[in-house]
Amino acid sequence: MVKLDYFEEIESLKVFYKLKEIIRYKGINNESVAEHVYSSIVLAKYFLKKVDENLDENIIFNLILYHDIVEIFAGDVCLGDDKKLENKKENESNAINTLKEKISNELFEEFKYYFDEFEKNKTREAKFANAIDKIDPYFECWSKPEITKKLKISAKQLKGKKEKYFKEFDVIYDFYIYLTDYFKKNNYLVED
């Protein structure tokens, strides 16, 4: 039997629990980044059944699981926050260094592998995970239209920042078009 230093292991795992404390859309919504990860996994499960190709579900779930871990230390950046977007890469790089110090080597290596794959967005699984990550806020705004209104997001912003991620997956793209049209008709979006 391998004897573990349980204190160090628990401290290492505890870092991941901090994702539940990082709030998206501060002052507007109470959704944590961990809740976003959960709902993205639900959406991935749904859309994987509708996409007409053989994608590796396990890889996709790992990409989604790890893609926002850096936000524990870098914070979340939402659409329209150009000031935070300017420093996003630098903040994430610093967060990666902090994570390396705080979590076990095994977890760090796994996190870093999937985080890098998600960021590079080259594999079909990474493209799918990115599309899911970008469509998830649409579903959040569907259930809470006040988010979109308070963020003052326009259809042009959505198209410029998000549409490219959906185009490779017809079913996700169709949802994007439907939701954007619905948001326009119901005045969820500001004028372009």
N, C-alpha and C. Protein backbone atom coordinates (compact mmCIF):
# COMPACT_ATOMS: atom_id res chain seq x y z
N MET A 1 0.84 -1.18 0.00
CA MET A 1 0.00 0.00 0.00
C MET A 1 0.89 1.25 0.00
N VAL A 2 0.56 2.19 -0.86
CA VAL A 2 1.32 3.44 -0.95
C VAL A 2 0.81 4.39 0.12
N LYS A 3 1.73 4.90 0.89
CA LYS A 3 1.36 5.86 1.93
C LYS A 3 1.40 7.27 1.32
N LEU A 4 0.31 7.98 1.40
CA LEU A 4 0.22 9.33 0.84
C LEU A 4 0.32 10.36 1.95
N ASP A 5 0.81 11.51 1.58
CA ASP A 5 0.72 12.64 2.50
C ASP A 5 -0.64 13.28 2.22
N TYR A 6 -1.63 12.85 3.00
CA TYR A 6 -3.00 13.28 2.72
C TYR A 6 -3.17 14.78 2.80
N PHE A 7 -2.47 15.43 3.69
CA PHE A 7 -2.60 16.88 3.81
C PHE A 7 -2.23 17.55 2.49
N GLU A 8 -1.08 17.18 1.93
CA GLU A 8 -0.65 17.79 0.66
C GLU A 8 -1.62 17.46 -0.47
N GLU A 9 -2.10 16.23 -0.50
CA GLU A 9 -3.04 15.83 -1.54
C GLU A 9 -4.35 16.62 -1.44
N ILE A 10 -4.84 16.75 -0.22
CA ILE A 10 -6.09 17.50 0.00
C ILE A 10 -5.90 18.97 -0.35
N GLU A 11 -4.79 19.55 0.05
CA GLU A 11 -4.51 20.95 -0.29
C GLU A 11 -4.45 21.13 -1.81
N SER A 12 -3.85 20.18 -2.49
CA SER A 12 -3.74 20.22 -3.94
C SER A 12 -5.13 20.17 -4.59
N LEU A 13 -5.97 19.27 -4.12
CA LEU A 13 -7.32 19.14 -4.68
C LEU A 13 -8.19 20.34 -4.33
N LYS A 14 -7.96 20.90 -3.17
CA LYS A 14 -8.77 22.04 -2.71
C LYS A 14 -8.67 23.24 -3.67
N VAL A 15 -7.54 23.35 -4.35
CA VAL A 15 -7.35 24.45 -5.31
C VAL A 15 -8.47 24.44 -6.35
N PHE A 16 -8.84 23.25 -6.83
CA PHE A 16 -9.86 23.15 -7.87
C PHE A 16 -11.24 23.59 -7.36
N TYR A 17 -11.47 23.45 -6.08
CA TYR A 17 -12.75 23.86 -5.50
C TYR A 17 -12.95 25.37 -5.55
N LYS A 18 -11.87 26.10 -5.70
CA LYS A 18 -11.97 27.57 -5.77
C LYS A 18 -12.70 28.03 -7.03
N LEU A 19 -12.78 27.16 -8.03
CA LEU A 19 -13.49 27.53 -9.26
C LEU A 19 -14.96 27.81 -8.97
N LYS A 20 -15.49 27.20 -7.91
CA LYS A 20 -16.89 27.45 -7.53
C LYS A 20 -17.09 28.86 -7.00
N GLU A 21 -16.00 29.53 -6.62
CA GLU A 21 -16.08 30.87 -6.05
C GLU A 21 -15.90 31.98 -7.10
N ILE A 22 -15.44 31.62 -8.29
CA ILE A 22 -15.20 32.62 -9.34
C ILE A 22 -16.52 32.86 -10.06
N ILE A 23 -17.03 34.08 -9.96
CA ILE A 23 -18.33 34.44 -10.53
C ILE A 23 -18.13 35.04 -11.92
N ARG A 24 -18.95 34.56 -12.83
CA ARG A 24 -18.97 35.13 -14.19
C ARG A 24 -19.90 36.34 -14.19
N TYR A 25 -19.64 37.30 -15.02
CA TYR A 25 -20.49 38.49 -15.16
C TYR A 25 -20.72 39.15 -13.79
N LYS A 26 -19.65 39.54 -13.13
CA LYS A 26 -19.75 40.13 -11.79
C LYS A 26 -20.77 41.27 -11.75
N GLY A 27 -21.58 41.24 -10.73
CA GLY A 27 -22.60 42.26 -10.54
C GLY A 27 -23.85 42.04 -11.35
N ILE A 28 -23.85 41.02 -12.19
CA ILE A 28 -24.99 40.78 -13.07
C ILE A 28 -25.60 39.40 -12.84
N ASN A 29 -24.75 38.43 -12.58
CA ASN A 29 -25.19 37.05 -12.51
C ASN A 29 -24.46 36.35 -11.38
N ASN A 30 -25.06 35.36 -10.82
CA ASN A 30 -24.42 34.62 -9.75
C ASN A 30 -23.86 33.28 -10.22
N GLU A 31 -23.74 33.07 -11.52
CA GLU A 31 -23.21 31.81 -12.03
C GLU A 31 -21.71 31.75 -11.78
N SER A 32 -21.26 30.66 -11.17
CA SER A 32 -19.83 30.48 -10.98
C SER A 32 -19.23 29.85 -12.24
N VAL A 33 -17.92 29.93 -12.35
CA VAL A 33 -17.25 29.30 -13.48
C VAL A 33 -17.45 27.78 -13.42
N ALA A 34 -17.48 27.22 -12.21
CA ALA A 34 -17.72 25.79 -12.07
C ALA A 34 -19.11 25.41 -12.61
N GLU A 35 -20.09 26.27 -12.41
CA GLU A 35 -21.43 26.01 -12.96
C GLU A 35 -21.40 26.08 -14.48
N HIS A 36 -20.61 26.99 -15.02
CA HIS A 36 -20.44 27.09 -16.48
C HIS A 36 -19.83 25.80 -17.02
N VAL A 37 -18.82 25.27 -16.32
CA VAL A 37 -18.19 24.02 -16.75
C VAL A 37 -19.23 22.89 -16.73
N TYR A 38 -20.02 22.83 -15.66
CA TYR A 38 -21.06 21.80 -15.56
C TYR A 38 -22.06 21.91 -16.73
N SER A 39 -22.59 23.11 -16.95
CA SER A 39 -23.59 23.25 -18.00
C SER A 39 -22.98 23.00 -19.38
N SER A 40 -21.70 23.30 -19.55
CA SER A 40 -21.03 23.01 -20.82
C SER A 40 -20.92 21.51 -21.04
N ILE A 41 -20.69 20.75 -19.99
CA ILE A 41 -20.64 19.29 -20.11
C ILE A 41 -22.02 18.75 -20.49
N VAL A 42 -23.06 19.32 -19.90
CA VAL A 42 -24.43 18.91 -20.27
C VAL A 42 -24.68 19.20 -21.74
N LEU A 43 -24.31 20.39 -22.19
CA LEU A 43 -24.50 20.74 -23.61
C LEU A 43 -23.67 19.84 -24.52
N ALA A 44 -22.45 19.54 -24.11
CA ALA A 44 -21.61 18.65 -24.93
C ALA A 44 -22.26 17.29 -25.07
N LYS A 45 -22.80 16.78 -23.98
CA LYS A 45 -23.48 15.48 -24.02
C LYS A 45 -24.65 15.54 -25.02
N TYR A 46 -25.41 16.62 -24.96
CA TYR A 46 -26.56 16.80 -25.85
C TYR A 46 -26.12 16.89 -27.32
N PHE A 47 -25.16 17.79 -27.59
CA PHE A 47 -24.77 18.02 -28.98
C PHE A 47 -23.95 16.87 -29.56
N LEU A 48 -23.24 16.13 -28.73
CA LEU A 48 -22.50 14.96 -29.25
C LEU A 48 -23.44 13.95 -29.88
N LYS A 49 -24.65 13.86 -29.37
CA LYS A 49 -25.64 12.94 -29.93
C LYS A 49 -26.18 13.43 -31.28
N LYS A 50 -26.01 14.71 -31.57
CA LYS A 50 -26.56 15.30 -32.78
C LYS A 50 -25.52 15.56 -33.87
N VAL A 51 -24.26 15.56 -33.50
CA VAL A 51 -23.18 15.81 -34.46
C VAL A 51 -22.89 14.53 -35.21
N ASP A 52 -22.79 14.65 -36.52
CA ASP A 52 -22.62 13.47 -37.37
C ASP A 52 -21.13 13.17 -37.60
N GLU A 53 -20.41 12.94 -36.52
CA GLU A 53 -19.03 12.49 -36.63
C GLU A 53 -18.64 11.82 -35.32
N ASN A 54 -17.59 11.06 -35.40
CA ASN A 54 -17.16 10.27 -34.25
C ASN A 54 -16.13 11.05 -33.45
N LEU A 55 -16.57 11.77 -32.44
CA LEU A 55 -15.67 12.54 -31.59
C LEU A 55 -15.45 11.81 -30.27
N ASP A 56 -14.28 11.98 -29.70
CA ASP A 56 -13.94 11.31 -28.45
C ASP A 56 -14.53 12.08 -27.27
N GLU A 57 -15.58 11.52 -26.69
CA GLU A 57 -16.31 12.16 -25.59
C GLU A 57 -15.40 12.42 -24.39
N ASN A 58 -14.54 11.48 -24.07
CA ASN A 58 -13.66 11.63 -22.92
C ASN A 58 -12.71 12.82 -23.09
N ILE A 59 -12.15 12.96 -24.27
CA ILE A 59 -11.27 14.11 -24.55
C ILE A 59 -12.05 15.41 -24.44
N ILE A 60 -13.24 15.44 -25.01
CA ILE A 60 -14.07 16.66 -24.95
C ILE A 60 -14.39 17.03 -23.51
N PHE A 61 -14.77 16.04 -22.70
CA PHE A 61 -15.09 16.34 -21.30
C PHE A 61 -13.87 16.85 -20.56
N ASN A 62 -12.69 16.31 -20.84
CA ASN A 62 -11.47 16.81 -20.20
C ASN A 62 -11.13 18.22 -20.67
N LEU A 63 -11.31 18.50 -21.94
CA LEU A 63 -11.08 19.85 -22.46
C LEU A 63 -11.99 20.85 -21.74
N ILE A 64 -13.25 20.50 -21.60
CA ILE A 64 -14.20 21.38 -20.93
C ILE A 64 -13.87 21.50 -19.44
N LEU A 65 -13.54 20.38 -18.83
CA LEU A 65 -13.22 20.38 -17.40
C LEU A 65 -12.06 21.32 -17.08
N TYR A 66 -11.03 21.30 -17.90
CA TYR A 66 -9.80 22.04 -17.58
C TYR A 66 -9.67 23.42 -18.23
N HIS A 67 -10.53 23.75 -19.19
CA HIS A 67 -10.28 24.96 -19.98
C HIS A 67 -10.33 26.26 -19.18
N ASP A 68 -11.08 26.31 -18.09
CA ASP A 68 -11.21 27.55 -17.32
C ASP A 68 -10.54 27.48 -15.95
N ILE A 69 -9.76 26.45 -15.68
CA ILE A 69 -9.11 26.32 -14.38
C ILE A 69 -8.22 27.54 -14.09
N VAL A 70 -7.62 28.12 -15.12
CA VAL A 70 -6.76 29.29 -14.91
C VAL A 70 -7.53 30.45 -14.28
N GLU A 71 -8.85 30.45 -14.45
CA GLU A 71 -9.65 31.55 -13.92
C GLU A 71 -9.69 31.58 -12.39
N ILE A 72 -9.24 30.49 -11.76
CA ILE A 72 -9.13 30.49 -10.30
C ILE A 72 -8.21 31.65 -9.89
N PHE A 73 -7.14 31.86 -10.65
CA PHE A 73 -6.17 32.90 -10.32
C PHE A 73 -6.18 34.07 -11.29
N ALA A 74 -6.70 33.87 -12.50
CA ALA A 74 -6.72 34.95 -13.50
C ALA A 74 -8.05 35.69 -13.54
N GLY A 75 -9.11 35.09 -12.98
CA GLY A 75 -10.44 35.68 -13.05
C GLY A 75 -11.07 35.41 -14.40
N ASP A 76 -12.37 35.67 -14.48
CA ASP A 76 -13.11 35.45 -15.72
C ASP A 76 -13.13 36.74 -16.52
N VAL A 77 -13.13 36.61 -17.83
CA VAL A 77 -13.23 37.77 -18.73
C VAL A 77 -14.44 37.52 -19.62
N CYS A 78 -15.39 38.45 -19.60
CA CYS A 78 -16.57 38.24 -20.44
C CYS A 78 -16.56 39.17 -21.64
N LEU A 79 -17.37 38.81 -22.60
CA LEU A 79 -17.51 39.57 -23.84
C LEU A 79 -17.82 41.02 -23.53
N GLY A 80 -17.12 41.93 -24.16
CA GLY A 80 -17.37 43.34 -23.97
C GLY A 80 -16.42 43.98 -22.97
N ASP A 81 -15.66 43.18 -22.23
CA ASP A 81 -14.72 43.73 -21.26
C ASP A 81 -13.35 43.81 -21.92
N ASP A 82 -13.20 44.79 -22.83
CA ASP A 82 -11.98 44.90 -23.63
C ASP A 82 -10.74 45.14 -22.79
N LYS A 83 -10.89 45.86 -21.70
CA LYS A 83 -9.73 46.14 -20.84
C LYS A 83 -9.15 44.84 -20.27
N LYS A 84 -10.01 43.97 -19.76
CA LYS A 84 -9.54 42.68 -19.23
C LYS A 84 -9.03 41.78 -20.35
N LEU A 85 -9.62 41.88 -21.54
CA LEU A 85 -9.18 41.05 -22.66
C LEU A 85 -7.74 41.37 -23.06
N GLU A 86 -7.34 42.64 -22.92
CA GLU A 86 -5.98 43.05 -23.26
C GLU A 86 -4.93 42.26 -22.47
N ASN A 87 -5.21 41.98 -21.21
CA ASN A 87 -4.25 41.32 -20.32
C ASN A 87 -4.55 39.84 -20.10
N LYS A 88 -5.51 39.32 -20.84
CA LYS A 88 -5.97 37.94 -20.59
C LYS A 88 -4.84 36.92 -20.70
N LYS A 89 -4.07 36.95 -21.76
CA LYS A 89 -3.00 35.95 -21.97
C LYS A 89 -1.94 36.05 -20.88
N GLU A 90 -1.55 37.25 -20.53
CA GLU A 90 -0.55 37.45 -19.48
C GLU A 90 -1.08 36.95 -18.13
N ASN A 91 -2.33 37.29 -17.82
CA ASN A 91 -2.94 36.84 -16.56
C ASN A 91 -3.06 35.32 -16.51
N GLU A 92 -3.40 34.72 -17.64
CA GLU A 92 -3.51 33.27 -17.68
C GLU A 92 -2.14 32.60 -17.54
N SER A 93 -1.13 33.19 -18.14
CA SER A 93 0.22 32.65 -18.01
C SER A 93 0.68 32.69 -16.55
N ASN A 94 0.40 33.79 -15.87
CA ASN A 94 0.73 33.90 -14.45
C ASN A 94 -0.07 32.88 -13.63
N ALA A 95 -1.32 32.68 -14.00
CA ALA A 95 -2.17 31.71 -13.29
C ALA A 95 -1.64 30.29 -13.47
N ILE A 96 -1.15 29.98 -14.66
CA ILE A 96 -0.56 28.65 -14.91
C ILE A 96 0.64 28.43 -14.00
N ASN A 97 1.48 29.45 -13.86
CA ASN A 97 2.64 29.34 -12.97
C ASN A 97 2.20 29.13 -11.52
N THR A 98 1.16 29.81 -11.11
CA THR A 98 0.65 29.64 -9.75
C THR A 98 0.08 28.24 -9.56
N LEU A 99 -0.66 27.77 -10.54
CA LEU A 99 -1.22 26.41 -10.47
C LEU A 99 -0.11 25.37 -10.36
N LYS A 100 0.95 25.57 -11.09
CA LYS A 100 2.06 24.62 -11.05
C LYS A 100 2.62 24.49 -9.64
N GLU A 101 2.61 25.57 -8.90
CA GLU A 101 3.11 25.56 -7.52
C GLU A 101 2.11 24.95 -6.54
N LYS A 102 0.82 25.00 -6.87
CA LYS A 102 -0.21 24.66 -5.89
C LYS A 102 -0.86 23.29 -6.05
N ILE A 103 -0.74 22.71 -7.24
CA ILE A 103 -1.40 21.41 -7.42
C ILE A 103 -0.36 20.32 -7.70
N SER A 104 -0.77 19.08 -7.54
CA SER A 104 0.16 17.96 -7.75
C SER A 104 0.65 17.95 -9.20
N ASN A 105 1.82 17.37 -9.39
CA ASN A 105 2.40 17.29 -10.74
C ASN A 105 1.49 16.54 -11.70
N GLU A 106 0.87 15.44 -11.23
CA GLU A 106 -0.01 14.65 -12.12
C GLU A 106 -1.18 15.50 -12.60
N LEU A 107 -1.82 16.19 -11.66
CA LEU A 107 -2.96 17.04 -12.05
C LEU A 107 -2.51 18.21 -12.91
N PHE A 108 -1.35 18.78 -12.59
CA PHE A 108 -0.87 19.91 -13.38
C PHE A 108 -0.61 19.48 -14.82
N GLU A 109 0.08 18.36 -15.00
CA GLU A 109 0.40 17.89 -16.35
C GLU A 109 -0.88 17.63 -17.16
N GLU A 110 -1.86 17.01 -16.52
CA GLU A 110 -3.13 16.74 -17.22
C GLU A 110 -3.85 18.04 -17.55
N PHE A 111 -3.95 18.93 -16.56
CA PHE A 111 -4.57 20.23 -16.80
C PHE A 111 -3.89 20.94 -17.97
N LYS A 112 -2.55 21.02 -17.91
CA LYS A 112 -1.79 21.78 -18.91
C LYS A 112 -1.98 21.19 -20.30
N TYR A 113 -2.00 19.88 -20.40
CA TYR A 113 -2.18 19.21 -21.69
C TYR A 113 -3.53 19.62 -22.31
N TYR A 114 -4.59 19.48 -21.53
CA TYR A 114 -5.92 19.78 -22.08
C TYR A 114 -6.14 21.29 -22.24
N PHE A 115 -5.59 22.08 -21.35
CA PHE A 115 -5.70 23.53 -21.49
C PHE A 115 -5.04 23.97 -22.80
N ASP A 116 -3.83 23.48 -23.06
CA ASP A 116 -3.12 23.84 -24.29
C ASP A 116 -3.87 23.38 -25.54
N GLU A 117 -4.41 22.15 -25.50
CA GLU A 117 -5.17 21.65 -26.65
C GLU A 117 -6.40 22.52 -26.91
N PHE A 118 -7.09 22.90 -25.83
CA PHE A 118 -8.27 23.76 -25.96
C PHE A 118 -7.87 25.10 -26.57
N GLU A 119 -6.80 25.70 -26.07
CA GLU A 119 -6.36 27.01 -26.55
C GLU A 119 -5.89 26.97 -28.00
N LYS A 120 -5.19 25.92 -28.39
CA LYS A 120 -4.71 25.81 -29.78
C LYS A 120 -5.87 25.62 -30.74
N ASN A 121 -6.93 24.94 -30.30
CA ASN A 121 -8.14 24.77 -31.10
C ASN A 121 -7.87 24.16 -32.48
N LYS A 122 -7.05 23.13 -32.50
CA LYS A 122 -6.68 22.48 -33.77
C LYS A 122 -7.42 21.17 -34.01
N THR A 123 -7.60 20.35 -32.97
CA THR A 123 -8.25 19.05 -33.15
C THR A 123 -9.76 19.23 -33.25
N ARG A 124 -10.42 18.22 -33.79
CA ARG A 124 -11.89 18.30 -33.89
C ARG A 124 -12.51 18.38 -32.50
N GLU A 125 -11.94 17.64 -31.54
CA GLU A 125 -12.46 17.66 -30.18
C GLU A 125 -12.29 19.05 -29.56
N ALA A 126 -11.15 19.68 -29.80
CA ALA A 126 -10.93 21.04 -29.27
C ALA A 126 -11.88 22.04 -29.92
N LYS A 127 -12.11 21.89 -31.21
CA LYS A 127 -13.05 22.79 -31.90
C LYS A 127 -14.46 22.62 -31.36
N PHE A 128 -14.83 21.36 -31.11
CA PHE A 128 -16.15 21.08 -30.55
C PHE A 128 -16.26 21.67 -29.14
N ALA A 129 -15.25 21.44 -28.30
CA ALA A 129 -15.26 21.96 -26.93
C ALA A 129 -15.30 23.49 -26.93
N ASN A 130 -14.60 24.13 -27.84
CA ASN A 130 -14.64 25.59 -27.95
C ASN A 130 -16.03 26.06 -28.37
N ALA A 131 -16.64 25.35 -29.30
CA ALA A 131 -18.00 25.72 -29.72
C ALA A 131 -18.97 25.61 -28.55
N ILE A 132 -18.83 24.55 -27.77
CA ILE A 132 -19.70 24.37 -26.60
C ILE A 132 -19.46 25.48 -25.59
N ASP A 133 -18.20 25.79 -25.33
CA ASP A 133 -17.86 26.86 -24.39
C ASP A 133 -18.48 28.19 -24.82
N LYS A 134 -18.52 28.44 -26.10
CA LYS A 134 -19.03 29.72 -26.61
C LYS A 134 -20.56 29.74 -26.70
N ILE A 135 -21.19 28.58 -26.87
CA ILE A 135 -22.67 28.55 -26.97
C ILE A 135 -23.31 28.51 -25.59
N ASP A 136 -22.60 28.04 -24.59
CA ASP A 136 -23.18 27.93 -23.24
C ASP A 136 -23.75 29.26 -22.72
N PRO A 137 -23.07 30.38 -22.88
CA PRO A 137 -23.67 31.63 -22.39
C PRO A 137 -25.00 31.98 -23.06
N TYR A 138 -25.21 31.52 -24.28
CA TYR A 138 -26.49 31.75 -24.95
C TYR A 138 -27.62 31.10 -24.17
N PHE A 139 -27.37 29.87 -23.71
CA PHE A 139 -28.39 29.17 -22.94
C PHE A 139 -28.60 29.83 -21.58
N GLU A 140 -27.52 30.34 -20.99
CA GLU A 140 -27.63 31.07 -19.72
C GLU A 140 -28.46 32.34 -19.94
N CYS A 141 -28.21 33.04 -21.03
CA CYS A 141 -28.97 34.27 -21.32
C CYS A 141 -30.43 33.97 -21.69
N TRP A 142 -30.67 32.81 -22.27
CA TRP A 142 -32.03 32.40 -22.59
C TRP A 142 -32.86 32.34 -21.30
N SER A 143 -32.26 31.78 -20.26
CA SER A 143 -33.00 31.63 -19.00
C SER A 143 -32.94 32.89 -18.14
N LYS A 144 -31.97 33.77 -18.43
CA LYS A 144 -31.83 35.01 -17.65
C LYS A 144 -31.54 36.17 -18.60
N PRO A 145 -32.56 36.66 -19.32
CA PRO A 145 -32.32 37.70 -20.33
C PRO A 145 -31.72 38.98 -19.77
N GLU A 146 -31.89 39.21 -18.49
CA GLU A 146 -31.33 40.44 -17.90
C GLU A 146 -29.80 40.49 -18.01
N ILE A 147 -29.17 39.33 -18.13
CA ILE A 147 -27.71 39.29 -18.27
C ILE A 147 -27.29 40.01 -19.55
N THR A 148 -27.89 39.63 -20.67
CA THR A 148 -27.54 40.21 -21.96
C THR A 148 -27.86 41.70 -21.99
N LYS A 149 -28.99 42.07 -21.41
CA LYS A 149 -29.37 43.48 -21.39
C LYS A 149 -28.39 44.31 -20.56
N LYS A 150 -27.99 43.79 -19.41
CA LYS A 150 -27.07 44.53 -18.54
C LYS A 150 -25.67 44.61 -19.13
N LEU A 151 -25.26 43.57 -19.85
CA LEU A 151 -23.93 43.58 -20.47
C LEU A 151 -23.89 44.45 -21.72
N LYS A 152 -25.08 44.82 -22.23
CA LYS A 152 -25.19 45.65 -23.43
C LYS A 152 -24.44 45.05 -24.62
N ILE A 153 -24.78 43.81 -24.90
CA ILE A 153 -24.15 43.08 -25.99
C ILE A 153 -25.00 43.22 -27.25
N SER A 154 -24.34 43.39 -28.37
CA SER A 154 -25.05 43.51 -29.65
C SER A 154 -24.86 42.23 -30.46
N ALA A 155 -25.71 42.05 -31.45
CA ALA A 155 -25.60 40.88 -32.34
C ALA A 155 -24.27 40.93 -33.09
N LYS A 156 -23.83 42.12 -33.42
CA LYS A 156 -22.55 42.29 -34.12
C LYS A 156 -21.39 41.79 -33.25
N GLN A 157 -21.41 42.10 -31.96
CA GLN A 157 -20.37 41.60 -31.05
C GLN A 157 -20.38 40.09 -31.00
N LEU A 158 -21.57 39.52 -30.88
CA LEU A 158 -21.69 38.06 -30.82
C LEU A 158 -21.14 37.43 -32.08
N LYS A 159 -21.51 38.00 -33.22
CA LYS A 159 -21.06 37.45 -34.49
C LYS A 159 -19.54 37.54 -34.61
N GLY A 160 -19.00 38.68 -34.26
CA GLY A 160 -17.56 38.90 -34.40
C GLY A 160 -16.72 38.03 -33.48
N LYS A 161 -17.20 37.77 -32.30
CA LYS A 161 -16.41 37.03 -31.30
C LYS A 161 -16.73 35.54 -31.24
N LYS A 162 -17.93 35.15 -31.63
CA LYS A 162 -18.34 33.77 -31.36
C LYS A 162 -18.70 32.94 -32.59
N GLU A 163 -19.25 33.57 -33.61
CA GLU A 163 -19.80 32.81 -34.75
C GLU A 163 -18.79 31.84 -35.36
N LYS A 164 -17.54 32.25 -35.46
CA LYS A 164 -16.52 31.41 -36.10
C LYS A 164 -16.38 30.04 -35.42
N TYR A 165 -16.68 29.97 -34.14
CA TYR A 165 -16.56 28.70 -33.41
C TYR A 165 -17.70 27.73 -33.75
N PHE A 166 -18.82 28.25 -34.19
CA PHE A 166 -20.00 27.42 -34.43
C PHE A 166 -20.06 26.86 -35.85
N LYS A 167 -19.42 27.51 -36.79
CA LYS A 167 -19.60 27.19 -38.21
C LYS A 167 -19.22 25.76 -38.59
N GLU A 168 -18.32 25.13 -37.86
CA GLU A 168 -17.89 23.78 -38.21
C GLU A 168 -18.87 22.70 -37.78
N PHE A 169 -19.85 23.07 -36.98
CA PHE A 169 -20.82 22.11 -36.47
C PHE A 169 -22.22 22.64 -36.75
N ASP A 170 -22.84 22.13 -37.81
CA ASP A 170 -24.11 22.66 -38.29
C ASP A 170 -25.18 22.78 -37.21
N VAL A 171 -25.31 21.76 -36.38
CA VAL A 171 -26.37 21.77 -35.37
C VAL A 171 -26.12 22.88 -34.34
N ILE A 172 -24.88 23.09 -33.96
CA ILE A 172 -24.57 24.17 -33.01
C ILE A 172 -24.77 25.53 -33.69
N TYR A 173 -24.36 25.63 -34.95
CA TYR A 173 -24.54 26.87 -35.70
C TYR A 173 -26.03 27.21 -35.83
N ASP A 174 -26.86 26.21 -36.09
CA ASP A 174 -28.30 26.43 -36.19
C ASP A 174 -28.88 26.97 -34.87
N PHE A 175 -28.41 26.41 -33.76
CA PHE A 175 -28.84 26.92 -32.45
C PHE A 175 -28.40 28.37 -32.26
N TYR A 176 -27.18 28.67 -32.65
CA TYR A 176 -26.65 30.03 -32.55
C TYR A 176 -27.53 31.01 -33.33
N ILE A 177 -27.86 30.67 -34.57
CA ILE A 177 -28.71 31.54 -35.41
C ILE A 177 -30.08 31.71 -34.76
N TYR A 178 -30.67 30.61 -34.34
CA TYR A 178 -32.00 30.67 -33.72
C TYR A 178 -31.97 31.55 -32.47
N LEU A 179 -31.00 31.31 -31.59
CA LEU A 179 -30.93 32.08 -30.33
C LEU A 179 -30.64 33.55 -30.59
N THR A 180 -29.77 33.85 -31.53
CA THR A 180 -29.47 35.26 -31.85
C THR A 180 -30.72 35.96 -32.38
N ASP A 181 -31.44 35.30 -33.28
CA ASP A 181 -32.69 35.88 -33.81
C ASP A 181 -33.71 36.07 -32.69
N TYR A 182 -33.81 35.08 -31.82
CA TYR A 182 -34.74 35.18 -30.69
C TYR A 182 -34.36 36.36 -29.79
N PHE A 183 -33.07 36.50 -29.51
CA PHE A 183 -32.60 37.60 -28.65
C PHE A 183 -32.90 38.96 -29.29
N LYS A 184 -32.71 39.05 -30.61
CA LYS A 184 -33.01 40.30 -31.32
C LYS A 184 -34.50 40.63 -31.23
N LYS A 185 -35.35 39.66 -31.55
CA LYS A 185 -36.81 39.88 -31.54
C LYS A 185 -37.33 40.26 -30.17
N ASN A 186 -36.66 39.77 -29.12
CA ASN A 186 -37.14 40.00 -27.76
C ASN A 186 -36.33 41.09 -27.04
N ASN A 187 -35.58 41.84 -27.81
CA ASN A 187 -34.82 42.98 -27.28
C ASN A 187 -33.84 42.61 -26.17
N TYR A 188 -33.23 41.45 -26.28
CA TYR A 188 -32.18 41.06 -25.34
C TYR A 188 -30.87 41.75 -25.69
N LEU A 189 -30.73 42.13 -26.97
CA LEU A 189 -29.48 42.70 -27.47
C LEU A 189 -29.65 44.18 -27.71
N VAL A 190 -28.55 44.92 -27.61
CA VAL A 190 -28.59 46.34 -27.94
C VAL A 190 -28.42 46.48 -29.46
N GLU A 191 -28.80 47.62 -29.98
CA GLU A 191 -28.67 47.87 -31.42
C GLU A 191 -27.20 47.89 -31.81
N ASP A 192 -26.93 47.38 -33.03
CA ASP A 192 -25.53 47.38 -33.55
C ASP A 192 -25.08 48.77 -33.89
